[in-house]
PDB file of N, CA and C in Angstrom:
ATOM      1  N   MET A   1    -107.550-119.208 -67.608  1.00  0.00           N
ATOM      2  CA  MET A   1    -108.214-118.197 -68.399  1.00  0.00           C
ATOM      3  C   MET A   1    -107.578-116.852 -68.048  1.00  0.00           C
ATOM      4  N   SER A   2    -107.210-116.125 -69.089  1.00  0.00           N
ATOM      5  CA  SER A   2    -106.568-114.830 -68.863  1.00  0.00           C
ATOM      6  C   SER A   2    -107.628-113.765 -68.566  1.00  0.00           C
ATOM      7  N   ALA A   3    -107.156-112.611 -68.128  1.00  0.00           N
ATOM      8  CA  ALA A   3    -108.064-111.508 -67.797  1.00  0.00           C
ATOM      9  C   ALA A   3    -108.805-111.023 -69.040  1.00  0.00           C
ATOM     10  N   ASN A   4    -108.110-110.994 -70.176  1.00  0.00           N
ATOM     11  CA  ASN A   4    -108.764-110.559 -71.419  1.00  0.00           C
ATOM     12  C   ASN A   4    -109.898-111.503 -71.809  1.00  0.00           C
ATOM     13  N   GLU A   5    -109.657-112.796 -71.654  1.00  0.00           N
ATOM     14  CA  GLU A   5    -110.699-113.763 -71.987  1.00  0.00           C
ATOM     15  C   GLU A   5    -111.885-113.635 -71.046  1.00  0.00           C
ATOM     16  N   ALA A   6    -111.611-113.392 -69.774  1.00  0.00           N
ATOM     17  CA  ALA A   6    -112.694-113.226 -68.800  1.00  0.00           C
ATOM     18  C   ALA A   6    -113.524-111.993 -69.131  1.00  0.00           C
ATOM     19  N   TRP A   7    -112.880-110.887 -69.496  1.00  0.00           N
ATOM     20  CA  TRP A   7    -113.613-109.660 -69.864  1.00  0.00           C
ATOM     21  C   TRP A   7    -114.421-109.876 -71.145  1.00  0.00           C
ATOM     22  N   MET A   8    -113.835-110.605 -72.080  1.00  0.00           N
ATOM     23  CA  MET A   8    -114.551-110.878 -73.319  1.00  0.00           C
ATOM     24  C   MET A   8    -115.777-111.743 -73.040  1.00  0.00           C
ATOM     25  N   LEU A   9    -115.625-112.767 -72.201  1.00  0.00           N
ATOM     26  CA  LEU A   9    -116.737-113.621 -71.838  1.00  0.00           C
ATOM     27  C   LEU A   9    -117.816-112.835 -71.100  1.00  0.00           C
ATOM     28  N   ALA A  10    -117.403-111.975 -70.179  1.00  0.00           N
ATOM     29  CA  ALA A  10    -118.374-111.145 -69.445  1.00  0.00           C
ATOM     30  C   ALA A  10    -119.114-110.205 -70.394  1.00  0.00           C
ATOM     31  N   GLY A  11    -118.414-109.663 -71.364  1.00  0.00           N
ATOM     32  CA  GLY A  11    -119.057-108.780 -72.344  1.00  0.00           C
ATOM     33  C   GLY A  11    -120.061-109.530 -73.202  1.00  0.00           C
ATOM     34  N   MET A  12    -119.700-110.742 -73.618  1.00  0.00           N
ATOM     35  CA  MET A  12    -120.628-111.533 -74.426  1.00  0.00           C
ATOM     36  C   MET A  12    -121.867-111.906 -73.621  1.00  0.00           C
ATOM     37  N   VAL A  13    -121.680-112.247 -72.346  1.00  0.00           N
ATOM     38  CA  VAL A  13    -122.818-112.551 -71.478  1.00  0.00           C
ATOM     39  C   VAL A  13    -123.711-111.327 -71.331  1.00  0.00           C
ATOM     40  N   ALA A  14    -123.112-110.163 -71.098  1.00  0.00           N
ATOM     41  CA  ALA A  14    -123.892-108.938 -70.918  1.00  0.00           C
ATOM     42  C   ALA A  14    -124.690-108.585 -72.171  1.00  0.00           C
ATOM     43  N   VAL A  15    -124.065-108.683 -73.327  1.00  0.00           N
ATOM     44  CA  VAL A  15    -124.766-108.355 -74.580  1.00  0.00           C
ATOM     45  C   VAL A  15    -125.890-109.352 -74.837  1.00  0.00           C
ATOM     46  N   THR A  16    -125.599-110.646 -74.690  1.00  0.00           N
ATOM     47  CA  THR A  16    -126.617-111.667 -74.938  1.00  0.00           C
ATOM     48  C   THR A  16    -127.777-111.530 -73.961  1.00  0.00           C
ATOM     49  N   PHE A  17    -127.469-111.380 -72.683  1.00  0.00           N
ATOM     50  CA  PHE A  17    -128.524-111.226 -71.681  1.00  0.00           C
ATOM     51  C   PHE A  17    -129.316-109.945 -71.913  1.00  0.00           C
ATOM     52  N   GLY A  18    -128.617-108.867 -72.234  1.00  0.00           N
ATOM     53  CA  GLY A  18    -129.297-107.588 -72.457  1.00  0.00           C
ATOM     54  C   GLY A  18    -130.288-107.652 -73.599  1.00  0.00           C
ATOM     55  N   ILE A  19    -129.890-108.268 -74.701  1.00  0.00           N
ATOM     56  CA  ILE A  19    -130.792-108.384 -75.845  1.00  0.00           C
ATOM     57  C   ILE A  19    -131.993-109.245 -75.492  1.00  0.00           C
ATOM     58  N   ARG A  20    -131.755-110.357 -74.875  1.00  0.00           N
ATOM     59  CA  ARG A  20    -132.863-111.269 -74.544  1.00  0.00           C
ATOM     60  C   ARG A  20    -133.764-110.650 -73.479  1.00  0.00           C
ATOM     61  N   TYR A  21    -133.201-110.027 -72.469  1.00  0.00           N
ATOM     62  CA  TYR A  21    -134.015-109.434 -71.423  1.00  0.00           C
ATOM     63  C   TYR A  21    -134.875-108.304 -71.968  1.00  0.00           C
ATOM     64  N   LEU A  22    -134.295-107.523 -72.844  1.00  0.00           N
ATOM     65  CA  LEU A  22    -135.052-106.428 -73.444  1.00  0.00           C
ATOM     66  C   LEU A  22    -136.257-106.966 -74.209  1.00  0.00           C
ATOM     67  N   LEU A  23    -136.056-107.995 -74.985  1.00  0.00           N
ATOM     68  CA  LEU A  23    -137.164-108.563 -75.760  1.00  0.00           C
ATOM     69  C   LEU A  23    -138.211-109.220 -74.864  1.00  0.00           C
ATOM     70  N   PHE A  24    -137.774-110.027 -73.906  1.00  0.00           N
ATOM     71  CA  PHE A  24    -138.737-110.711 -73.050  1.00  0.00           C
ATOM     72  C   PHE A  24    -139.357-109.765 -72.019  1.00  0.00           C
ATOM     73  N   GLY A  25    -138.588-108.821 -71.540  1.00  0.00           N
ATOM     74  CA  GLY A  25    -139.102-107.878 -70.557  1.00  0.00           C
ATOM     75  C   GLY A  25    -140.160-106.944 -71.124  1.00  0.00           C
ATOM     76  N   LEU A  26    -140.046-106.608 -72.377  1.00  0.00           N
ATOM     77  CA  LEU A  26    -141.003-105.703 -73.005  1.00  0.00           C
ATOM     78  C   LEU A  26    -142.054-106.427 -73.834  1.00  0.00           C
ATOM     79  N   ALA A  27    -142.037-107.741 -73.852  1.00  0.00           N
ATOM     80  CA  ALA A  27    -142.928-108.497 -74.730  1.00  0.00           C
ATOM     81  C   ALA A  27    -144.394-108.242 -74.429  1.00  0.00           C
ATOM     82  N   ASP A  28    -144.749-108.087 -73.165  1.00  0.00           N
ATOM     83  CA  ASP A  28    -146.160-107.870 -72.851  1.00  0.00           C
ATOM     84  C   ASP A  28    -146.614-106.431 -73.093  1.00  0.00           C
ATOM     85  N   ARG A  29    -145.688-105.528 -73.293  1.00  0.00           N
ATOM     86  CA  ARG A  29    -146.031-104.118 -73.527  1.00  0.00           C
ATOM     87  C   ARG A  29    -146.107-103.761 -75.003  1.00  0.00           C
ATOM     88  N   ILE A  30    -145.551-104.601 -75.843  1.00  0.00           N
ATOM     89  CA  ILE A  30    -145.510-104.308 -77.275  1.00  0.00           C
ATOM     90  C   ILE A  30    -146.602-105.094 -77.985  1.00  0.00           C
ATOM     91  N   ARG A  31    -147.371-104.411 -78.787  1.00  0.00           N
ATOM     92  CA  ARG A  31    -148.394-105.064 -79.612  1.00  0.00           C
ATOM     93  C   ARG A  31    -148.000-104.913 -81.070  1.00  0.00           C
ATOM     94  N   LEU A  32    -147.895-106.039 -81.745  1.00  0.00           N
ATOM     95  CA  LEU A  32    -147.544-106.025 -83.155  1.00  0.00           C
ATOM     96  C   LEU A  32    -148.808-105.904 -83.996  1.00  0.00           C
ATOM     97  N   ALA A  33    -148.633-105.362 -85.171  1.00  0.00           N
ATOM     98  CA  ALA A  33    -149.745-105.323 -86.114  1.00  0.00           C
ATOM     99  C   ALA A  33    -150.139-106.762 -86.450  1.00  0.00           C
ATOM    100  N   PRO A  34    -151.421-107.014 -86.658  1.00  0.00           N
ATOM    101  CA  PRO A  34    -151.850-108.402 -86.934  1.00  0.00           C
ATOM    102  C   PRO A  34    -151.141-109.027 -88.134  1.00  0.00           C
ATOM    103  N   TRP A  35    -150.905-108.261 -89.184  1.00  0.00           N
ATOM    104  CA  TRP A  35    -150.229-108.813 -90.357  1.00  0.00           C
ATOM    105  C   TRP A  35    -148.790-109.188 -90.031  1.00  0.00           C
ATOM    106  N   LEU A  36    -148.137-108.418 -89.153  1.00  0.00           N
ATOM    107  CA  LEU A  36    -146.763-108.731 -88.768  1.00  0.00           C
ATOM    108  C   LEU A  36    -146.719-109.956 -87.857  1.00  0.00           C
ATOM    109  N   ALA A  37    -147.649-110.032 -86.908  1.00  0.00           N
ATOM    110  CA  ALA A  37    -147.703-111.195 -86.019  1.00  0.00           C
ATOM    111  C   ALA A  37    -147.987-112.461 -86.813  1.00  0.00           C
ATOM    112  N   GLU A  38    -148.855-112.372 -87.811  1.00  0.00           N
ATOM    113  CA  GLU A  38    -149.154-113.529 -88.647  1.00  0.00           C
ATOM    114  C   GLU A  38    -147.954-113.938 -89.500  1.00  0.00           C
ATOM    115  N   SER A  39    -147.239-112.956 -90.007  1.00  0.00           N
ATOM    116  CA  SER A  39    -146.093-113.260 -90.870  1.00  0.00           C
ATOM    117  C   SER A  39    -144.951-113.910 -90.080  1.00  0.00           C
ATOM    118  N   LEU A  40    -144.882-113.696 -88.783  1.00  0.00           N
ATOM    119  CA  LEU A  40    -143.839-114.327 -87.970  1.00  0.00           C
ATOM    120  C   LEU A  40    -144.015-115.838 -87.892  1.00  0.00           C
ATOM    121  N   ASN A  41    -145.218-116.334 -88.192  1.00  0.00           N
ATOM    122  CA  ASN A  41    -145.441-117.778 -88.194  1.00  0.00           C
ATOM    123  C   ASN A  41    -144.687-118.479 -89.319  1.00  0.00           C
ATOM    124  N   PHE A  42    -144.242-117.732 -90.326  1.00  0.00           N
ATOM    125  CA  PHE A  42    -143.533-118.336 -91.453  1.00  0.00           C
ATOM    126  C   PHE A  42    -142.032-118.449 -91.201  1.00  0.00           C
ATOM    127  N   ILE A  43    -141.540-117.889 -90.125  1.00  0.00           N
ATOM    128  CA  ILE A  43    -140.097-117.909 -89.863  1.00  0.00           C
ATOM    129  C   ILE A  43    -139.579-119.322 -89.576  1.00  0.00           C
ATOM    130  N   PRO A  44    -140.191-120.114 -88.690  1.00  0.00           N
ATOM    131  CA  PRO A  44    -139.639-121.459 -88.442  1.00  0.00           C
ATOM    132  C   PRO A  44    -139.563-122.338 -89.685  1.00  0.00           C
ATOM    133  N   PRO A  45    -140.612-122.424 -90.528  1.00  0.00           N
ATOM    134  CA  PRO A  45    -140.449-123.249 -91.732  1.00  0.00           C
ATOM    135  C   PRO A  45    -139.383-122.708 -92.682  1.00  0.00           C
ATOM    136  N   ALA A  46    -139.256-121.386 -92.769  1.00  0.00           N
ATOM    137  CA  ALA A  46    -138.250-120.808 -93.664  1.00  0.00           C
ATOM    138  C   ALA A  46    -136.840-121.133 -93.178  1.00  0.00           C
ATOM    139  N   VAL A  47    -136.623-121.033 -91.877  1.00  0.00           N
ATOM    140  CA  VAL A  47    -135.303-121.338 -91.318  1.00  0.00           C
ATOM    141  C   VAL A  47    -134.996-122.828 -91.463  1.00  0.00           C
ATOM    142  N   LEU A  48    -135.983-123.681 -91.182  1.00  0.00           N
ATOM    143  CA  LEU A  48    -135.773-125.117 -91.331  1.00  0.00           C
ATOM    144  C   LEU A  48    -135.448-125.482 -92.776  1.00  0.00           C
ATOM    145  N   THR A  49    -136.135-124.854 -93.712  1.00  0.00           N
ATOM    146  CA  THR A  49    -135.856-125.101 -95.122  1.00  0.00           C
ATOM    147  C   THR A  49    -134.454-124.630 -95.494  1.00  0.00           C
ATOM    148  N   ALA A  50    -134.068-123.470 -95.000  1.00  0.00           N
ATOM    149  CA  ALA A  50    -132.738-122.941 -95.309  1.00  0.00           C
ATOM    150  C   ALA A  50    -131.625-123.810 -94.737  1.00  0.00           C
ATOM    151  N   ILE A  51    -131.898-124.489 -93.644  1.00  0.00           N
ATOM    152  CA  ILE A  51    -130.886-125.365 -93.040  1.00  0.00           C
ATOM    153  C   ILE A  51    -130.839-126.714 -93.749  1.00  0.00           C
ATOM    154  N   THR A  52    -131.997-127.293 -94.020  1.00  0.00           N
ATOM    155  CA  THR A  52    -132.020-128.665 -94.526  1.00  0.00           C
ATOM    156  C   THR A  52    -131.832-128.782 -96.031  1.00  0.00           C
ATOM    157  N   LEU A  53    -132.311-127.845 -96.801  1.00  0.00           N
ATOM    158  CA  LEU A  53    -132.240-127.979 -98.255  1.00  0.00           C
ATOM    159  C   LEU A  53    -130.808-128.114 -98.776  1.00  0.00           C
ATOM    160  N   PRO A  54    -129.857-127.308 -98.339  1.00  0.00           N
ATOM    161  CA  PRO A  54    -128.481-127.526 -98.808  1.00  0.00           C
ATOM    162  C   PRO A  54    -127.921-128.893 -98.392  1.00  0.00           C
ATOM    163  N   ALA A  55    -128.280-129.360 -97.191  1.00  0.00           N
ATOM    164  CA  ALA A  55    -127.786-130.663 -96.746  1.00  0.00           C
ATOM    165  C   ALA A  55    -128.367-131.797 -97.577  1.00  0.00           C
ATOM    166  N   VAL A  56    -129.592-131.612 -98.066  1.00  0.00           N
ATOM    167  CA  VAL A  56    -130.246-132.657 -98.843  1.00  0.00           C
ATOM    168  C   VAL A  56    -129.794-132.637-100.296  1.00  0.00           C
ATOM    169  N   LEU A  57    -129.747-131.460-100.891  1.00  0.00           N
ATOM    170  CA  LEU A  57    -129.458-131.366-102.325  1.00  0.00           C
ATOM    171  C   LEU A  57    -127.974-131.181-102.648  1.00  0.00           C
ATOM    172  N   LEU A  58    -127.182-130.748-101.684  1.00  0.00           N
ATOM    173  CA  LEU A  58    -125.745-130.533-101.903  1.00  0.00           C
ATOM    174  C   LEU A  58    -124.928-131.275-100.848  1.00  0.00           C
ATOM    175  N   PRO A  59    -125.098-132.586-100.701  1.00  0.00           N
ATOM    176  CA  PRO A  59    -124.426-133.280 -99.599  1.00  0.00           C
ATOM    177  C   PRO A  59    -122.907-133.279 -99.696  1.00  0.00           C
ATOM    178  N   ARG A  60    -122.375-133.210-100.914  1.00  0.00           N
ATOM    179  CA  ARG A  60    -120.916-133.215-101.089  1.00  0.00           C
ATOM    180  C   ARG A  60    -120.412-131.889-101.626  1.00  0.00           C
ATOM    181  N   GLY A  61    -121.256-130.878-101.606  1.00  0.00           N
ATOM    182  CA  GLY A  61    -120.861-129.577-102.117  1.00  0.00           C
ATOM    183  C   GLY A  61    -121.317-129.320-103.530  1.00  0.00           C
ATOM    184  N   ASP A  62    -121.680-130.361-104.257  1.00  0.00           N
ATOM    185  CA  ASP A  62    -122.204-130.240-105.613  1.00  0.00           C
ATOM    186  C   ASP A  62    -123.646-130.731-105.619  1.00  0.00           C
ATOM    187  N   TRP A  63    -124.407-130.271-106.617  1.00  0.00           N
ATOM    188  CA  TRP A  63    -125.788-130.707-106.743  1.00  0.00           C
ATOM    189  C   TRP A  63    -125.833-132.212-106.916  1.00  0.00           C
ATOM    190  N   PHE A  64    -126.692-132.858-106.152  1.00  0.00           N
ATOM    191  CA  PHE A  64    -126.846-134.309-106.225  1.00  0.00           C
ATOM    192  C   PHE A  64    -128.333-134.638-106.147  1.00  0.00           C
ATOM    193  N   VAL A  65    -129.045-134.352-107.241  1.00  0.00           N
ATOM    194  CA  VAL A  65    -130.481-134.617-107.323  1.00  0.00           C
ATOM    195  C   VAL A  65    -130.641-135.889-108.144  1.00  0.00           C
ATOM    196  N   SER A  66    -130.744-136.999-107.426  1.00  0.00           N
ATOM    197  CA  SER A  66    -130.767-138.302-108.069  1.00  0.00           C
ATOM    198  C   SER A  66    -131.415-139.307-107.119  1.00  0.00           C
ATOM    199  N   PRO A  67    -131.997-140.361-107.655  1.00  0.00           N
ATOM    200  CA  PRO A  67    -132.506-141.417-106.772  1.00  0.00           C
ATOM    201  C   PRO A  67    -131.391-142.097-105.979  1.00  0.00           C
ATOM    202  N   ALA A  68    -130.154-141.886-106.344  1.00  0.00           N
ATOM    203  CA  ALA A  68    -129.031-142.461-105.608  1.00  0.00           C
ATOM    204  C   ALA A  68    -128.666-141.632-104.375  1.00  0.00           C
ATOM    205  N   ASN A  69    -129.298-140.499-104.193  1.00  0.00           N
ATOM    206  CA  ASN A  69    -129.027-139.623-103.053  1.00  0.00           C
ATOM    207  C   ASN A  69    -129.880-140.065-101.863  1.00  0.00           C
ATOM    208  N   PRO A  70    -129.274-140.685-100.835  1.00  0.00           N
ATOM    209  CA  PRO A  70    -130.071-141.172 -99.701  1.00  0.00           C
ATOM    210  C   PRO A  70    -130.700-140.030 -98.896  1.00  0.00           C
ATOM    211  N   TYR A  71    -130.052-138.873 -98.867  1.00  0.00           N
ATOM    212  CA  TYR A  71    -130.609-137.731 -98.145  1.00  0.00           C
ATOM    213  C   TYR A  71    -131.891-137.241 -98.805  1.00  0.00           C
ATOM    214  N   LEU A  72    -131.900-137.227-100.123  1.00  0.00           N
ATOM    215  CA  LEU A  72    -133.083-136.791-100.860  1.00  0.00           C
ATOM    216  C   LEU A  72    -134.226-137.777-100.671  1.00  0.00           C
ATOM    217  N   ILE A  73    -133.939-139.056-100.748  1.00  0.00           N
ATOM    218  CA  ILE A  73    -134.967-140.077-100.565  1.00  0.00           C
ATOM    219  C   ILE A  73    -135.547-139.992 -99.155  1.00  0.00           C
ATOM    220  N   ALA A  74    -134.689-139.862 -98.156  1.00  0.00           N
ATOM    221  CA  ALA A  74    -135.166-139.760 -96.769  1.00  0.00           C
ATOM    222  C   ALA A  74    -135.980-138.492 -96.561  1.00  0.00           C
ATOM    223  N   ALA A  75    -135.571-137.386 -97.173  1.00  0.00           N
ATOM    224  CA  ALA A  75    -136.313-136.139 -97.044  1.00  0.00           C
ATOM    225  C   ALA A  75    -137.689-136.254 -97.682  1.00  0.00           C
ATOM    226  N   LEU A  76    -137.766-136.880 -98.844  1.00  0.00           N
ATOM    227  CA  LEU A  76    -139.062-137.057 -99.503  1.00  0.00           C
ATOM    228  C   LEU A  76    -139.969-137.987 -98.701  1.00  0.00           C
ATOM    229  N   LEU A  77    -139.415-139.076 -98.176  1.00  0.00           N
ATOM    230  CA  LEU A  77    -140.205-139.972 -97.337  1.00  0.00           C
ATOM    231  C   LEU A  77    -140.686-139.259 -96.074  1.00  0.00           C
ATOM    232  N   SER A  78    -139.823-138.439 -95.483  1.00  0.00           N
ATOM    233  CA  SER A  78    -140.212-137.684 -94.290  1.00  0.00           C
ATOM    234  C   SER A  78    -141.310-136.686 -94.607  1.00  0.00           C
ATOM    235  N   LEU A  79    -141.204-136.033 -95.742  1.00  0.00           N
ATOM    236  CA  LEU A  79    -142.231-135.076 -96.152  1.00  0.00           C
ATOM    237  C   LEU A  79    -143.579-135.771 -96.317  1.00  0.00           C
ATOM    238  N   ILE A  80    -143.570-136.897 -97.007  1.00  0.00           N
ATOM    239  CA  ILE A  80    -144.816-137.643 -97.209  1.00  0.00           C
ATOM    240  C   ILE A  80    -145.369-138.131 -95.867  1.00  0.00           C
ATOM    241  N   ALA A  81    -144.500-138.664 -95.019  1.00  0.00           N
ATOM    242  CA  ALA A  81    -144.941-139.157 -93.713  1.00  0.00           C
ATOM    243  C   ALA A  81    -145.503-138.026 -92.858  1.00  0.00           C
ATOM    244  N   GLY A  82    -144.878-136.873 -92.909  1.00  0.00           N
ATOM    245  CA  GLY A  82    -145.367-135.744 -92.125  1.00  0.00           C
ATOM    246  C   GLY A  82    -146.712-135.250 -92.591  1.00  0.00           C
ATOM    247  N   VAL A  83    -146.903-135.214 -93.898  1.00  0.00           N
ATOM    248  CA  VAL A  83    -148.187-134.755 -94.439  1.00  0.00           C
ATOM    249  C   VAL A  83    -149.291-135.766 -94.137  1.00  0.00           C
ATOM    250  N   VAL A  84    -148.973-137.048 -94.270  1.00  0.00           N
ATOM    251  CA  VAL A  84    -149.992-138.081 -94.075  1.00  0.00           C
ATOM    252  C   VAL A  84    -150.311-138.294 -92.599  1.00  0.00           C
ATOM    253  N   THR A  85    -149.287-138.460 -91.751  1.00  0.00           N
ATOM    254  CA  THR A  85    -149.528-138.829 -90.353  1.00  0.00           C
ATOM    255  C   THR A  85    -149.704-137.635 -89.426  1.00  0.00           C
ATOM    256  N   ARG A  86    -149.057-136.519 -89.738  1.00  0.00           N
ATOM    257  CA  ARG A  86    -149.074-135.343 -88.855  1.00  0.00           C
ATOM    258  C   ARG A  86    -148.509-135.655 -87.467  1.00  0.00           C
ATOM    259  N   LYS A  87    -147.634-136.652 -87.395  1.00  0.00           N
ATOM    260  CA  LYS A  87    -147.010-137.033 -86.125  1.00  0.00           C
ATOM    261  C   LYS A  87    -145.492-136.915 -86.276  1.00  0.00           C
ATOM    262  N   LEU A  88    -144.866-136.172 -85.373  1.00  0.00           N
ATOM    263  CA  LEU A  88    -143.440-135.903 -85.460  1.00  0.00           C
ATOM    264  C   LEU A  88    -142.614-137.172 -85.342  1.00  0.00           C
ATOM    265  N   LEU A  89    -142.932-138.014 -84.363  1.00  0.00           N
ATOM    266  CA  LEU A  89    -142.142-139.231 -84.154  1.00  0.00           C
ATOM    267  C   LEU A  89    -142.236-140.166 -85.356  1.00  0.00           C
ATOM    268  N   ALA A  90    -143.420-140.313 -85.922  1.00  0.00           N
ATOM    269  CA  ALA A  90    -143.583-141.160 -87.106  1.00  0.00           C
ATOM    270  C   ALA A  90    -142.798-140.590 -88.282  1.00  0.00           C
ATOM    271  N   THR A  91    -142.807-139.280 -88.432  1.00  0.00           N
ATOM    272  CA  THR A  91    -142.073-138.637 -89.519  1.00  0.00           C
ATOM    273  C   THR A  91    -140.576-138.891 -89.394  1.00  0.00           C
ATOM    274  N   ILE A  92    -140.061-138.715 -88.193  1.00  0.00           N
ATOM    275  CA  ILE A  92    -138.633-138.942 -87.953  1.00  0.00           C
ATOM    276  C   ILE A  92    -138.280-140.409 -88.173  1.00  0.00           C
ATOM    277  N   ALA A  93    -139.092-141.314 -87.637  1.00  0.00           N
ATOM    278  CA  ALA A  93    -138.808-142.748 -87.759  1.00  0.00           C
ATOM    279  C   ALA A  93    -138.837-143.190 -89.215  1.00  0.00           C
ATOM    280  N   ILE A  94    -139.825-142.754 -89.973  1.00  0.00           N
ATOM    281  CA  ILE A  94    -139.925-143.151 -91.377  1.00  0.00           C
ATOM    282  C   ILE A  94    -138.752-142.582 -92.177  1.00  0.00           C
ATOM    283  N   GLY A  95    -138.371-141.352 -91.906  1.00  0.00           N
ATOM    284  CA  GLY A  95    -137.216-140.772 -92.587  1.00  0.00           C
ATOM    285  C   GLY A  95    -135.931-141.525 -92.277  1.00  0.00           C
ATOM    286  N   LEU A  96    -135.726-141.868 -91.014  1.00  0.00           N
ATOM    287  CA  LEU A  96    -134.518-142.611 -90.629  1.00  0.00           C
ATOM    288  C   LEU A  96    -134.500-144.010 -91.237  1.00  0.00           C
ATOM    289  N   VAL A  97    -135.634-144.686 -91.193  1.00  0.00           N
ATOM    290  CA  VAL A  97    -135.700-146.030 -91.771  1.00  0.00           C
ATOM    291  C   VAL A  97    -135.449-145.960 -93.278  1.00  0.00           C
ATOM    292  N   GLY A  98    -136.029-144.974 -93.940  1.00  0.00           N
ATOM    293  CA  GLY A  98    -135.793-144.818 -95.374  1.00  0.00           C
ATOM    294  C   GLY A  98    -134.338-144.537 -95.690  1.00  0.00           C
ATOM    295  N   PHE A  99    -133.716-143.672 -94.885  1.00  0.00           N
ATOM    296  CA  PHE A  99    -132.296-143.356 -95.104  1.00  0.00           C
ATOM    297  C   PHE A  99    -131.430-144.595 -94.901  1.00  0.00           C
ATOM    298  N   LEU A 100    -131.647-145.292 -93.790  1.00  0.00           N
ATOM    299  CA  LEU A 100    -130.831-146.477 -93.502  1.00  0.00           C
ATOM    300  C   LEU A 100    -131.067-147.585 -94.529  1.00  0.00           C
ATOM    301  N   ALA A 101    -132.322-147.780 -94.938  1.00  0.00           N
ATOM    302  CA  ALA A 101    -132.607-148.800 -95.941  1.00  0.00           C
ATOM    303  C   ALA A 101    -131.927-148.461 -97.266  1.00  0.00           C
ATOM    304  N   HIS A 102    -131.961-147.208 -97.631  1.00  0.00           N
ATOM    305  CA  HIS A 102    -131.305-146.787 -98.884  1.00  0.00           C
ATOM    306  C   HIS A 102    -129.800-147.008 -98.805  1.00  0.00           C
ATOM    307  N   ARG A 103    -129.206-146.654 -97.666  1.00  0.00           N
ATOM    308  CA  ARG A 103    -127.754-146.841 -97.504  1.00  0.00           C
ATOM    309  C   ARG A 103    -127.363-148.297 -97.510  1.00  0.00           C
ATOM    310  N   LEU A 104    -128.182-149.163 -96.906  1.00  0.00           N
ATOM    311  CA  LEU A 104    -127.841-150.581 -96.827  1.00  0.00           C
ATOM    312  C   LEU A 104    -128.112-151.320 -98.144  1.00  0.00           C
ATOM    313  N   LEU A 105    -129.148-150.902 -98.855  1.00  0.00           N
ATOM    314  CA  LEU A 105    -129.538-151.628-100.066  1.00  0.00           C
ATOM    315  C   LEU A 105    -128.794-151.145-101.321  1.00  0.00           C
ATOM    316  N   PHE A 106    -128.383-149.898-101.341  1.00  0.00           N
ATOM    317  CA  PHE A 106    -127.759-149.372-102.570  1.00  0.00           C
ATOM    318  C   PHE A 106    -126.317-149.046-102.338  1.00  0.00           C
TER     319      PHE A 106
END
């Protein structure tokens, strides 16, 4: 590793640590407005949707909304399983079984 790479790595560590330490170090001193704290609960589902939706509906780069799309079938089965069972492991297992069954049968 060259000196430039070491300095770059040290700088990235300092910036990353500084940002995280600032947020965690001041977390108990900062009080958010109730509406803002409540709205932060929507961030994880929004991020998960933004990550998974393109993978499900655009698996090859083009729109593929069809019963022949195993990703779409597995996503729908996972959604139904999650709503019905409310159990993460069951949701994952049902989605995987649906995906594999679709791939093997069609």
